[in-house]
């Protein structure tokens, strides 16, 4: 009569077997969803934000004396002087403040524009 395998022997044989190594194609296929997700995040979030930052930087570089702006804090004013890292903004008669260039959020009217 042949020798019967015990449950312990069967578990040892089962655990000793190695799963087959995935081929190169299978490994790439496993990472494809993650790569697609990263690409989607780039095109949905990162690229538009970079474009917006580039446009804001260009807008700040084009500002000059006489432009009407709104700061990030909601202050309306007219640029009276452009310095290297900040603007001097007139917010009322005889009232001027200095704001950082990055705090300017919106340009209401360029100095050369006329109201129509």
PDB file of N, CA and C in Angstrom:
ATOM      1  N   UNK A   1       0.842  -1.165   0.000  1.00  0.00           N
ATOM      2  CA  UNK A   1       0.000   0.000   0.000  1.00  0.00           C
ATOM      3  C   UNK A   1       0.897   1.241   0.000  1.00  0.00           C
ATOM      4  N   UNK A   2       0.563   2.213  -0.873  1.00  0.00           N
ATOM      5  CA  UNK A   2       1.412   3.416  -0.940  1.00  0.00           C
ATOM      6  C   UNK A   2       1.252   4.260   0.320  1.00  0.00           C
ATOM      7  N   UNK A   3       2.314   4.982   0.612  1.00  0.00           N
ATOM      8  CA  UNK A   3       2.318   5.833   1.809  1.00  0.00           C
ATOM      9  C   UNK A   3       1.416   7.035   1.557  1.00  0.00           C
ATOM     10  N   UNK A   4       0.562   7.361   2.522  1.00  0.00           N
ATOM     11  CA  UNK A   4      -0.363   8.479   2.412  1.00  0.00           C
ATOM     12  C   UNK A   4       0.320   9.753   2.926  1.00  0.00           C
ATOM     13  N   UNK A   5       0.060  10.838   2.237  1.00  0.00           N
ATOM     14  CA  UNK A   5       0.600  12.117   2.686  1.00  0.00           C
ATOM     15  C   UNK A   5      -0.272  12.661   3.804  1.00  0.00           C
ATOM     16  N   UNK A   6       0.365  13.153   4.809  1.00  0.00           N
ATOM     17  CA  UNK A   6      -0.384  13.775   5.894  1.00  0.00           C
ATOM     18  C   UNK A   6      -0.667  15.230   5.513  1.00  0.00           C
ATOM     19  N   UNK A   7      -1.504  15.855   6.261  1.00  0.00           N
ATOM     20  CA  UNK A   7      -1.848  17.249   6.003  1.00  0.00           C
ATOM     21  C   UNK A   7      -0.623  18.135   6.136  1.00  0.00           C
ATOM     22  N   UNK A   8       0.234  17.826   7.055  1.00  0.00           N
ATOM     23  CA  UNK A   8       1.468  18.576   7.261  1.00  0.00           C
ATOM     24  C   UNK A   8       2.384  18.441   6.041  1.00  0.00           C
ATOM     25  N   UNK A   9       2.503  17.230   5.499  1.00  0.00           N
ATOM     26  CA  UNK A   9       3.340  17.008   4.321  1.00  0.00           C
ATOM     27  C   UNK A   9       2.764  17.743   3.108  1.00  0.00           C
ATOM     28  N   UNK A  10       1.444  17.746   2.959  1.00  0.00           N
ATOM     29  CA  UNK A  10       0.802  18.417   1.829  1.00  0.00           C
ATOM     30  C   UNK A  10       1.024  19.927   1.909  1.00  0.00           C
ATOM     31  N   UNK A  11       0.946  20.499   3.103  1.00  0.00           N
ATOM     32  CA  UNK A  11       1.170  21.932   3.267  1.00  0.00           C
ATOM     33  C   UNK A  11       2.608  22.285   2.936  1.00  0.00           C
ATOM     34  N   UNK A  12       3.550  21.430   3.322  1.00  0.00           N
ATOM     35  CA  UNK A  12       4.958  21.682   3.027  1.00  0.00           C
ATOM     36  C   UNK A  12       5.205  21.666   1.528  1.00  0.00           C
ATOM     37  N   UNK A  13       4.620  20.721   0.836  1.00  0.00           N
ATOM     38  CA  UNK A  13       4.787  20.628  -0.614  1.00  0.00           C
ATOM     39  C   UNK A  13       4.135  21.839  -1.290  1.00  0.00           C
ATOM     40  N   UNK A  14       2.969  22.242  -0.816  1.00  0.00           N
ATOM     41  CA  UNK A  14       2.258  23.368  -1.413  1.00  0.00           C
ATOM     42  C   UNK A  14       3.034  24.669  -1.233  1.00  0.00           C
ATOM     43  N   UNK A  15       3.576  24.892  -0.038  1.00  0.00           N
ATOM     44  CA  UNK A  15       4.310  26.121   0.236  1.00  0.00           C
ATOM     45  C   UNK A  15       5.668  26.139  -0.435  1.00  0.00           C
ATOM     46  N   UNK A  16       6.234  25.002  -0.732  1.00  0.00           N
ATOM     47  CA  UNK A  16       7.555  24.937  -1.345  1.00  0.00           C
ATOM     48  C   UNK A  16       7.513  25.334  -2.817  1.00  0.00           C
ATOM     49  N   UNK A  17       6.349  25.256  -3.446  1.00  0.00           N
ATOM     50  CA  UNK A  17       6.249  25.611  -4.855  1.00  0.00           C
ATOM     51  C   UNK A  17       6.271  27.124  -5.014  1.00  0.00           C
ATOM     52  N   UNK A  18       7.089  27.590  -5.933  1.00  0.00           N
ATOM     53  CA  UNK A  18       7.194  29.021  -6.225  1.00  0.00           C
ATOM     54  C   UNK A  18       6.209  29.372  -7.335  1.00  0.00           C
ATOM     55  N   UNK A  19       5.540  30.508  -7.225  1.00  0.00           N
ATOM     56  CA  UNK A  19       4.679  30.921  -8.335  1.00  0.00           C
ATOM     57  C   UNK A  19       5.550  31.301  -9.529  1.00  0.00           C
ATOM     58  N   UNK A  20       5.044  31.123 -10.720  1.00  0.00           N
ATOM     59  CA  UNK A  20       5.860  31.448 -11.879  1.00  0.00           C
ATOM     60  C   UNK A  20       6.149  32.945 -11.916  1.00  0.00           C
ATOM     61  N   UNK A  21       7.364  33.293 -12.307  1.00  0.00           N
ATOM     62  CA  UNK A  21       7.755  34.702 -12.405  1.00  0.00           C
ATOM     63  C   UNK A  21       7.001  35.352 -13.553  1.00  0.00           C
ATOM     64  N   UNK A  22       6.468  36.563 -13.336  1.00  0.00           N
ATOM     65  CA  UNK A  22       5.735  37.221 -14.419  1.00  0.00           C
ATOM     66  C   UNK A  22       6.684  37.602 -15.550  1.00  0.00           C
ATOM     67  N   UNK A  23       6.184  37.515 -16.747  1.00  0.00           N
ATOM     68  CA  UNK A  23       7.010  37.905 -17.888  1.00  0.00           C
ATOM     69  C   UNK A  23       7.106  39.428 -17.929  1.00  0.00           C
ATOM     70  N   UNK A  24       7.970  39.946 -18.777  1.00  0.00           N
ATOM     71  CA  UNK A  24       8.156  41.387 -18.876  1.00  0.00           C
ATOM     72  C   UNK A  24       6.867  42.080 -19.299  1.00  0.00           C
ATOM     73  N   UNK A  25       6.138  41.493 -20.218  1.00  0.00           N
ATOM     74  CA  UNK A  25       4.879  42.068 -20.669  1.00  0.00           C
ATOM     75  C   UNK A  25       3.856  42.140 -19.563  1.00  0.00           C
ATOM     76  N   UNK A  26       3.811  41.110 -18.735  1.00  0.00           N
ATOM     77  CA  UNK A  26       2.860  41.103 -17.621  1.00  0.00           C
ATOM     78  C   UNK A  26       3.241  42.152 -16.581  1.00  0.00           C
ATOM     79  N   UNK A  27       4.530  42.337 -16.334  1.00  0.00           N
ATOM     80  CA  UNK A  27       4.971  43.327 -15.351  1.00  0.00           C
ATOM     81  C   UNK A  27       4.591  44.732 -15.813  1.00  0.00           C
ATOM     82  N   UNK A  28       4.766  45.023 -17.088  1.00  0.00           N
ATOM     83  CA  UNK A  28       4.394  46.339 -17.616  1.00  0.00           C
ATOM     84  C   UNK A  28       2.882  46.528 -17.569  1.00  0.00           C
ATOM     85  N   UNK A  29       2.158  45.449 -17.819  1.00  0.00           N
ATOM     86  CA  UNK A  29       0.705  45.516 -17.794  1.00  0.00           C
ATOM     87  C   UNK A  29       0.189  45.800 -16.387  1.00  0.00           C
ATOM     88  N   UNK A  30       0.900  45.329 -15.369  1.00  0.00           N
ATOM     89  CA  UNK A  30       0.503  45.584 -13.991  1.00  0.00           C
ATOM     90  C   UNK A  30       0.668  47.063 -13.635  1.00  0.00           C
ATOM     91  N   UNK A  31       1.679  47.735 -14.197  1.00  0.00           N
ATOM     92  CA  UNK A  31       1.940  49.134 -13.885  1.00  0.00           C
ATOM     93  C   UNK A  31       1.172  50.100 -14.778  1.00  0.00           C
ATOM     94  N   UNK A  32       0.544  49.612 -15.823  1.00  0.00           N
ATOM     95  CA  UNK A  32      -0.175  50.459 -16.758  1.00  0.00           C
ATOM     96  C   UNK A  32      -1.273  51.294 -16.090  1.00  0.00           C
ATOM     97  N   UNK A  33      -2.122  50.741 -15.231  1.00  0.00           N
ATOM     98  CA  UNK A  33      -3.144  51.578 -14.585  1.00  0.00           C
ATOM     99  C   UNK A  33      -2.536  52.709 -13.745  1.00  0.00           C
ATOM    100  N   UNK A  34      -1.438  52.410 -13.049  1.00  0.00           N
ATOM    101  CA  UNK A  34      -0.799  53.444 -12.240  1.00  0.00           C
ATOM    102  C   UNK A  34      -0.209  54.534 -13.134  1.00  0.00           C
ATOM    103  N   UNK A  35       0.398  54.157 -14.244  1.00  0.00           N
ATOM    104  CA  UNK A  35       0.953  55.137 -15.168  1.00  0.00           C
ATOM    105  C   UNK A  35      -0.150  55.986 -15.788  1.00  0.00           C
ATOM    106  N   UNK A  36      -1.274  55.374 -16.127  1.00  0.00           N
ATOM    107  CA  UNK A  36      -2.402  56.128 -16.659  1.00  0.00           C
ATOM    108  C   UNK A  36      -2.965  57.099 -15.623  1.00  0.00           C
ATOM    109  N   UNK A  37      -3.005  56.697 -14.382  1.00  0.00           N
ATOM    110  CA  UNK A  37      -3.492  57.557 -13.307  1.00  0.00           C
ATOM    111  C   UNK A  37      -2.570  58.763 -13.118  1.00  0.00           C
ATOM    112  N   UNK A  38      -1.266  58.522 -13.122  1.00  0.00           N
ATOM    113  CA  UNK A  38      -0.304  59.614 -12.984  1.00  0.00           C
ATOM    114  C   UNK A  38      -0.420  60.574 -14.170  1.00  0.00           C
ATOM    115  N   UNK A  39      -0.551  60.032 -15.377  1.00  0.00           N
ATOM    116  CA  UNK A  39      -0.718  60.875 -16.560  1.00  0.00           C
ATOM    117  C   UNK A  39      -1.998  61.694 -16.489  1.00  0.00           C
ATOM    118  N   UNK A  40      -3.064  61.084 -16.005  1.00  0.00           N
ATOM    119  CA  UNK A  40      -4.331  61.801 -15.862  1.00  0.00           C
ATOM    120  C   UNK A  40      -4.222  62.947 -14.874  1.00  0.00           C
ATOM    121  N   UNK A  41      -3.576  62.702 -13.730  1.00  0.00           N
ATOM    122  CA  UNK A  41      -3.385  63.771 -12.749  1.00  0.00           C
ATOM    123  C   UNK A  41      -2.559  64.908 -13.340  1.00  0.00           C
ATOM    124  N   UNK A  42      -1.543  64.570 -14.126  1.00  0.00           N
ATOM    125  CA  UNK A  42      -0.714  65.609 -14.725  1.00  0.00           C
ATOM    126  C   UNK A  42      -1.551  66.500 -15.635  1.00  0.00           C
ATOM    127  N   UNK A  43      -2.322  65.888 -16.539  1.00  0.00           N
ATOM    128  CA  UNK A  43      -3.076  66.676 -17.499  1.00  0.00           C
ATOM    129  C   UNK A  43      -4.294  67.370 -16.886  1.00  0.00           C
ATOM    130  N   UNK A  44      -4.846  66.830 -15.799  1.00  0.00           N
ATOM    131  CA  UNK A  44      -6.020  67.439 -15.182  1.00  0.00           C
ATOM    132  C   UNK A  44      -5.671  68.498 -14.136  1.00  0.00           C
ATOM    133  N   UNK A  45      -4.546  68.343 -13.442  1.00  0.00           N
ATOM    134  CA  UNK A  45      -4.242  69.235 -12.330  1.00  0.00           C
ATOM    135  C   UNK A  45      -2.933  70.003 -12.491  1.00  0.00           C
ATOM    136  N   UNK A  46      -1.862  69.331 -12.814  1.00  0.00           N
ATOM    137  CA  UNK A  46      -0.548  69.967 -12.812  1.00  0.00           C
ATOM    138  C   UNK A  46      -0.368  70.900 -14.005  1.00  0.00           C
ATOM    139  N   UNK A  47      -0.652  70.445 -15.216  1.00  0.00           N
ATOM    140  CA  UNK A  47      -0.446  71.264 -16.410  1.00  0.00           C
ATOM    141  C   UNK A  47      -1.295  72.534 -16.397  1.00  0.00           C
ATOM    142  N   UNK A  48      -2.595  72.483 -16.065  1.00  0.00           N
ATOM    143  CA  UNK A  48      -3.364  73.731 -16.020  1.00  0.00           C
ATOM    144  C   UNK A  48      -2.851  74.710 -14.962  1.00  0.00           C
ATOM    145  N   UNK A  49      -2.405  74.193 -13.819  1.00  0.00           N
ATOM    146  CA  UNK A  49      -1.885  75.066 -12.768  1.00  0.00           C
ATOM    147  C   UNK A  49      -0.600  75.741 -13.222  1.00  0.00           C
ATOM    148  N   UNK A  50       0.258  75.008 -13.911  1.00  0.00           N
ATOM    149  CA  UNK A  50       1.493  75.595 -14.424  1.00  0.00           C
ATOM    150  C   UNK A  50       1.185  76.675 -15.459  1.00  0.00           C
ATOM    151  N   UNK A  51       0.193  76.440 -16.297  1.00  0.00           N
ATOM    152  CA  UNK A  51      -0.207  77.424 -17.301  1.00  0.00           C
ATOM    153  C   UNK A  51      -0.729  78.690 -16.622  1.00  0.00           C
ATOM    154  N   UNK A  52      -1.537  78.519 -15.581  1.00  0.00           N
ATOM    155  CA  UNK A  52      -2.089  79.657 -14.855  1.00  0.00           C
ATOM    156  C   UNK A  52      -0.973  80.467 -14.188  1.00  0.00           C
ATOM    157  N   UNK A  53       0.002  79.794 -13.595  1.00  0.00           N
ATOM    158  CA  UNK A  53       1.123  80.485 -12.959  1.00  0.00           C
ATOM    159  C   UNK A  53       1.934  81.267 -13.990  1.00  0.00           C
ATOM    160  N   UNK A  54       2.125  80.681 -15.167  1.00  0.00           N
ATOM    161  CA  UNK A  54       2.884  81.343 -16.219  1.00  0.00           C
ATOM    162  C   UNK A  54       2.155  82.604 -16.691  1.00  0.00           C
ATOM    163  N   UNK A  55       0.836  82.531 -16.868  1.00  0.00           N
ATOM    164  CA  UNK A  55       0.048  83.688 -17.272  1.00  0.00           C
ATOM    165  C   UNK A  55       0.073  84.782 -16.205  1.00  0.00           C
ATOM    166  N   UNK A  56       0.003  84.398 -14.921  1.00  0.00           N
ATOM    167  CA  UNK A  56       0.044  85.370 -13.827  1.00  0.00           C
ATOM    168  C   UNK A  56       1.391  86.072 -13.794  1.00  0.00           C
ATOM    169  N   UNK A  57       2.457  85.317 -13.983  1.00  0.00           N
ATOM    170  CA  UNK A  57       3.799  85.902 -13.987  1.00  0.00           C
ATOM    171  C   UNK A  57       3.953  86.883 -15.147  1.00  0.00           C
ATOM    172  N   UNK A  58       3.412  86.534 -16.309  1.00  0.00           N
ATOM    173  CA  UNK A  58       3.464  87.420 -17.475  1.00  0.00           C
ATOM    174  C   UNK A  58       2.663  88.687 -17.206  1.00  0.00           C
ATOM    175  N   UNK A  59       1.486  88.543 -16.585  1.00  0.00           N
ATOM    176  CA  UNK A  59       0.650  89.693 -16.262  1.00  0.00           C
ATOM    177  C   UNK A  59       1.377  90.636 -15.311  1.00  0.00           C
ATOM    178  N   UNK A  60       2.065  90.093 -14.309  1.00  0.00           N
ATOM    179  CA  UNK A  60       2.803  90.925 -13.354  1.00  0.00           C
ATOM    180  C   UNK A  60       3.955  91.659 -14.034  1.00  0.00           C
ATOM    181  N   UNK A  61       4.611  90.999 -14.978  1.00  0.00           N
ATOM    182  CA  UNK A  61       5.739  91.621 -15.671  1.00  0.00           C
ATOM    183  C   UNK A  61       5.276  92.787 -16.550  1.00  0.00           C
ATOM    184  N   UNK A  62       4.035  92.757 -17.022  1.00  0.00           N
ATOM    185  CA  UNK A  62       3.521  93.799 -17.908  1.00  0.00           C
ATOM    186  C   UNK A  62       2.895  94.974 -17.166  1.00  0.00           C
ATOM    187  N   UNK A  63       2.731  94.890 -15.837  1.00  0.00           N
ATOM    188  CA  UNK A  63       2.113  95.977 -15.091  1.00  0.00           C
ATOM    189  C   UNK A  63       3.035  97.191 -15.053  1.00  0.00           C
ATOM    190  N   UNK A  64       2.410  98.371 -15.117  1.00  0.00           N
ATOM    191  CA  UNK A  64       3.187  99.609 -15.072  1.00  0.00           C
ATOM    192  C   UNK A  64       2.381 100.677 -14.349  1.00  0.00           C
ATOM    193  N   UNK A  65       2.988 101.823 -14.162  1.00  0.00           N
ATOM    194  CA  UNK A  65       2.341 102.934 -13.483  1.00  0.00           C
ATOM    195  C   UNK A  65       1.046 103.314 -14.189  1.00  0.00           C
ATOM    196  N   UNK A  66      -0.002 103.503 -13.406  1.00  0.00           N
ATOM    197  CA  UNK A  66      -1.300 103.895 -13.938  1.00  0.00           C
ATOM    198  C   UNK A  66      -2.288 102.747 -14.068  1.00  0.00           C
ATOM    199  N   UNK A  67      -1.839 101.502 -13.971  1.00  0.00           N
ATOM    200  CA  UNK A  67      -2.737 100.355 -14.070  1.00  0.00           C
ATOM    201  C   UNK A  67      -3.574 100.225 -12.795  1.00  0.00           C
ATOM    202  N   UNK A  68      -4.856  99.938 -12.974  1.00  0.00           N
ATOM    203  CA  UNK A  68      -5.747  99.718 -11.829  1.00  0.00           C
ATOM    204  C   UNK A  68      -5.788  98.228 -11.534  1.00  0.00           C
ATOM    205  N   UNK A  69      -5.600  97.876 -10.249  1.00  0.00           N
ATOM    206  CA  UNK A  69      -5.470  96.473  -9.869  1.00  0.00           C
ATOM    207  C   UNK A  69      -6.306  96.171  -8.630  1.00  0.00           C
ATOM    208  N   UNK A  70      -6.480  94.882  -8.385  1.00  0.00           N
ATOM    209  CA  UNK A  70      -7.062  94.379  -7.141  1.00  0.00           C
ATOM    210  C   UNK A  70      -6.029  93.432  -6.537  1.00  0.00           C
ATOM    211  N   UNK A  71      -5.735  93.624  -5.256  1.00  0.00           N
ATOM    212  CA  UNK A  71      -4.770  92.748  -4.588  1.00  0.00           C
ATOM    213  C   UNK A  71      -5.469  91.492  -4.078  1.00  0.00           C
ATOM    214  N   UNK A  72      -4.671  90.552  -3.605  1.00  0.00           N
ATOM    215  CA  UNK A  72      -5.218  89.319  -3.041  1.00  0.00           C
ATOM    216  C   UNK A  72      -6.061  89.568  -1.808  1.00  0.00           C
ATOM    217  N   UNK A  73      -5.822  90.674  -1.117  1.00  0.00           N
ATOM    218  CA  UNK A  73      -6.605  91.019   0.062  1.00  0.00           C
ATOM    219  C   UNK A  73      -7.884  91.770  -0.258  1.00  0.00           C
ATOM    220  N   UNK A  74      -8.117  92.029  -1.562  1.00  0.00           N
ATOM    221  CA  UNK A  74      -9.343  92.694  -1.968  1.00  0.00           C
ATOM    222  C   UNK A  74      -9.239  94.209  -2.004  1.00  0.00           C
ATOM    223  N   UNK A  75      -8.040  94.741  -2.017  1.00  0.00           N
ATOM    224  CA  UNK A  75      -7.843  96.191  -2.047  1.00  0.00           C
ATOM    225  C   UNK A  75      -7.779  96.664  -3.494  1.00  0.00           C
ATOM    226  N   UNK A  76      -8.613  97.650  -3.834  1.00  0.00           N
ATOM    227  CA  UNK A  76      -8.609  98.257  -5.154  1.00  0.00           C
ATOM    228  C   UNK A  76      -7.649  99.436  -5.124  1.00  0.00           C
ATOM    229  N   UNK A  77      -6.862  99.596  -6.186  1.00  0.00           N
ATOM    230  CA  UNK A  77      -5.965 100.737  -6.227  1.00  0.00           C
ATOM    231  C   UNK A  77      -5.342 100.915  -7.592  1.00  0.00           C
ATOM    232  N   UNK A  78      -4.541 101.995  -7.687  1.00  0.00           N
ATOM    233  CA  UNK A  78      -3.844 102.328  -8.922  1.00  0.00           C
ATOM    234  C   UNK A  78      -2.350 102.311  -8.642  1.00  0.00           C
ATOM    235  N   UNK A  79      -1.598 101.651  -9.491  1.00  0.00           N
ATOM    236  CA  UNK A  79      -0.153 101.580  -9.319  1.00  0.00           C
ATOM    237  C   UNK A  79       0.442 102.945  -9.598  1.00  0.00           C
ATOM    238  N   UNK A  80       1.239 103.459  -8.629  1.00  0.00           N
ATOM    239  CA  UNK A  80       1.894 104.747  -8.820  1.00  0.00           C
ATOM    240  C   UNK A  80       3.393 104.598  -9.028  1.00  0.00           C
ATOM    241  N   UNK A  81       3.952 103.476  -8.619  1.00  0.00           N
ATOM    242  CA  UNK A  81       5.387 103.267  -8.763  1.00  0.00           C
ATOM    243  C   UNK A  81       5.656 101.768  -8.819  1.00  0.00           C
ATOM    244  N   UNK A  82       6.565 101.361  -9.691  1.00  0.00           N
ATOM    245  CA  UNK A  82       6.954  99.962  -9.816  1.00  0.00           C
ATOM    246  C   UNK A  82       8.383  99.824  -9.302  1.00  0.00           C
ATOM    247  N   UNK A  83       8.557  99.004  -8.283  1.00  0.00           N
ATOM    248  CA  UNK A  83       9.887  98.722  -7.742  1.00  0.00           C
ATOM    249  C   UNK A  83      10.277  97.308  -8.146  1.00  0.00           C
ATOM    250  N   UNK A  84      11.469  96.897  -7.771  1.00  0.00           N
ATOM    251  CA  UNK A  84      11.975  95.594  -8.184  1.00  0.00           C
ATOM    252  C   UNK A  84      11.114  94.436  -7.693  1.00  0.00           C
ATOM    253  N   UNK A  85      10.693  94.488  -6.434  1.00  0.00           N
ATOM    254  CA  UNK A  85       9.948  93.363  -5.857  1.00  0.00           C
ATOM    255  C   UNK A  85       8.552  93.738  -5.360  1.00  0.00           C
ATOM    256  N   UNK A  86       8.133  94.999  -5.572  1.00  0.00           N
ATOM    257  CA  UNK A  86       6.820  95.416  -5.077  1.00  0.00           C
ATOM    258  C   UNK A  86       6.288  96.595  -5.887  1.00  0.00           C
ATOM    259  N   UNK A  87       5.010  96.871  -5.666  1.00  0.00           N
ATOM    260  CA  UNK A  87       4.337  98.011  -6.290  1.00  0.00           C
ATOM    261  C   UNK A  87       3.928  98.992  -5.194  1.00  0.00           C
ATOM    262  N   UNK A  88       3.936 100.272  -5.531  1.00  0.00           N
ATOM    263  CA  UNK A  88       3.331 101.280  -4.665  1.00  0.00           C
ATOM    264  C   UNK A  88       1.957 101.542  -5.267  1.00  0.00           C
ATOM    265  N   UNK A  89       0.907 101.329  -4.466  1.00  0.00           N
ATOM    266  CA  UNK A  89      -0.464 101.419  -4.950  1.00  0.00           C
ATOM    267  C   UNK A  89      -1.196 102.530  -4.201  1.00  0.00           C
ATOM    268  N   UNK A  90      -1.833 103.432  -4.949  1.00  0.00           N
ATOM    269  CA  UNK A  90      -2.661 104.476  -4.350  1.00  0.00           C
ATOM    270  C   UNK A  90      -4.064 103.910  -4.188  1.00  0.00           C
ATOM    271  N   UNK A  91      -4.523 103.897  -2.924  1.00  0.00           N
ATOM    272  CA  UNK A  91      -5.842 103.322  -2.652  1.00  0.00           C
ATOM    273  C   UNK A  91      -6.878 104.391  -2.322  1.00  0.00           C
ATOM    274  N   UNK A  92      -6.416 105.607  -2.025  1.00  0.00           N
ATOM    275  CA  UNK A  92      -7.305 106.746  -1.764  1.00  0.00           C
ATOM    276  C   UNK A  92      -6.458 108.009  -1.927  1.00  0.00           C
ATOM    277  N   UNK A  93      -7.104 109.174  -1.865  1.00  0.00           N
ATOM    278  CA  UNK A  93      -6.347 110.418  -1.955  1.00  0.00           C
ATOM    279  C   UNK A  93      -5.325 110.482  -0.826  1.00  0.00           C
ATOM    280  N   UNK A  94      -4.092 110.750  -1.173  1.00  0.00           N
ATOM    281  CA  UNK A  94      -2.989 110.861  -0.210  1.00  0.00           C
ATOM    282  C   UNK A  94      -2.771 109.584   0.603  1.00  0.00           C
ATOM    283  N   UNK A  95      -3.193 108.437   0.083  1.00  0.00           N
ATOM    284  CA  UNK A  95      -2.972 107.167   0.779  1.00  0.00           C
ATOM    285  C   UNK A  95      -2.341 106.173  -0.197  1.00  0.00           C
ATOM    286  N   UNK A  96      -1.095 105.819   0.098  1.00  0.00           N
ATOM    287  CA  UNK A  96      -0.386 104.858  -0.741  1.00  0.00           C
ATOM    288  C   UNK A  96       0.117 103.718   0.130  1.00  0.00           C
ATOM    289  N   UNK A  97       0.101 102.520  -0.429  1.00  0.00           N
ATOM    290  CA  UNK A  97       0.636 101.353   0.269  1.00  0.00           C
ATOM    291  C   UNK A  97       1.583 100.627  -0.672  1.00  0.00           C
ATOM    292  N   UNK A  98       2.471  99.867  -0.090  1.00  0.00           N
ATOM    293  CA  UNK A  98       3.358  99.014  -0.881  1.00  0.00           C
ATOM    294  C   UNK A  98       2.882  97.584  -0.747  1.00  0.00           C
ATOM    295  N   UNK A  99       2.752  96.912  -1.878  1.00  0.00           N
ATOM    296  CA  UNK A  99       2.330  95.508  -1.880  1.00  0.00           C
ATOM    297  C   UNK A  99       3.330  94.701  -2.692  1.00  0.00           C
ATOM    298  N   UNK A 100       3.474  93.437  -2.345  1.00  0.00           N
ATOM    299  CA  UNK A 100       4.362  92.574  -3.117  1.00  0.00           C
ATOM    300  C   UNK A 100       3.764  92.342  -4.491  1.00  0.00           C
ATOM    301  N   UNK A 101       4.615  92.075  -5.440  1.00  0.00           N
ATOM    302  CA  UNK A 101       4.125  91.858  -6.803  1.00  0.00           C
ATOM    303  C   UNK A 101       3.189  90.653  -6.866  1.00  0.00           C
ATOM    304  N   UNK A 102       3.483  89.621  -6.109  1.00  0.00           N
ATOM    305  CA  UNK A 102       2.658  88.413  -6.143  1.00  0.00           C
ATOM    306  C   UNK A 102       1.267  88.619  -5.551  1.00  0.00           C
ATOM    307  N   UNK A 103       1.087  89.694  -4.755  1.00  0.00           N
ATOM    308  CA  UNK A 103      -0.231  89.899  -4.145  1.00  0.00           C
ATOM    309  C   UNK A 103      -1.237  90.500  -5.115  1.00  0.00           C
ATOM    310  N   UNK A 104      -0.787  91.021  -6.249  1.00  0.00           N
ATOM    311  CA  UNK A 104      -1.718  91.560  -7.248  1.00  0.00           C
ATOM    312  C   UNK A 104      -2.370  90.383  -7.961  1.00  0.00           C
ATOM    313  N   UNK A 105      -3.711  90.331  -7.931  1.00  0.00           N
ATOM    314  CA  UNK A 105      -4.430  89.205  -8.502  1.00  0.00           C
ATOM    315  C   UNK A 105      -5.129  89.538  -9.813  1.00  0.00           C
ATOM    316  N   UNK A 106      -5.678  90.750  -9.930  1.00  0.00           N
ATOM    317  CA  UNK A 106      -6.489  91.095 -11.091  1.00  0.00           C
ATOM    318  C   UNK A 106      -6.101  92.485 -11.582  1.00  0.00           C
ATOM    319  N   UNK A 107      -6.035  92.646 -12.892  1.00  0.00           N
ATOM    320  CA  UNK A 107      -5.847  93.957 -13.499  1.00  0.00           C
ATOM    321  C   UNK A 107      -7.204  94.422 -14.003  1.00  0.00           C
ATOM    322  N   UNK A 108      -7.695  95.531 -13.455  1.00  0.00           N
ATOM    323  CA  UNK A 108      -8.989  96.060 -13.870  1.00  0.00           C
ATOM    324  C   UNK A 108      -8.883  96.856 -15.157  1.00  0.00           C
ATOM    325  N   UNK A 109      -7.881  97.732 -15.209  1.00  0.00           N
ATOM    326  CA  UNK A 109      -7.750  98.582 -16.384  1.00  0.00           C
ATOM    327  C   UNK A 109      -6.271  98.898 -16.585  1.00  0.00           C
ATOM    328  N   UNK A 110      -5.803  98.697 -17.793  1.00  0.00           N
ATOM    329  CA  UNK A 110      -4.436  99.067 -18.134  1.00  0.00           C
ATOM    330  C   UNK A 110      -4.367 100.578 -18.283  1.00  0.00           C
ATOM    331  N   UNK A 111      -3.206 101.166 -18.097  1.00  0.00           N
ATOM    332  CA  UNK A 111      -3.070 102.614 -18.109  1.00  0.00           C
ATOM    333  C   UNK A 111      -3.388 103.219 -19.463  1.00  0.00           C
ATOM    334  N   UNK A 112      -3.190 102.520 -20.566  1.00  0.00           N
ATOM    335  CA  UNK A 112      -3.471 103.049 -21.886  1.00  0.00           C
ATOM    336  C   UNK A 112      -4.902 102.834 -22.333  1.00  0.00           C
ATOM    337  N   UNK A 113      -5.652 101.978 -21.642  1.00  0.00           N
ATOM    338  CA  UNK A 113      -7.029 101.679 -22.047  1.00  0.00           C
ATOM    339  C   UNK A 113      -7.964 102.831 -21.686  1.00  0.00           C
ATOM    340  N   UNK A 114      -8.955 103.053 -22.531  1.00  0.00           N
ATOM    341  CA  UNK A 114      -9.983 104.051 -22.252  1.00  0.00           C
ATOM    342  C   UNK A 114     -11.300 103.324 -22.056  1.00  0.00           C
ATOM    343  N   UNK A 115     -12.166 103.884 -21.227  1.00  0.00           N
ATOM    344  CA  UNK A 115     -13.491 103.277 -21.032  1.00  0.00           C
ATOM    345  C   UNK A 115     -14.338 103.533 -22.248  1.00  0.00           C
ATOM    346  N   UNK A 116     -15.066 102.526 -22.663  1.00  0.00           N
ATOM    347  CA  UNK A 116     -15.911 102.652 -23.861  1.00  0.00           C
ATOM    348  C   UNK A 116     -17.348 102.868 -23.480  1.00  0.00           C
TER     349      UNK A 116
END
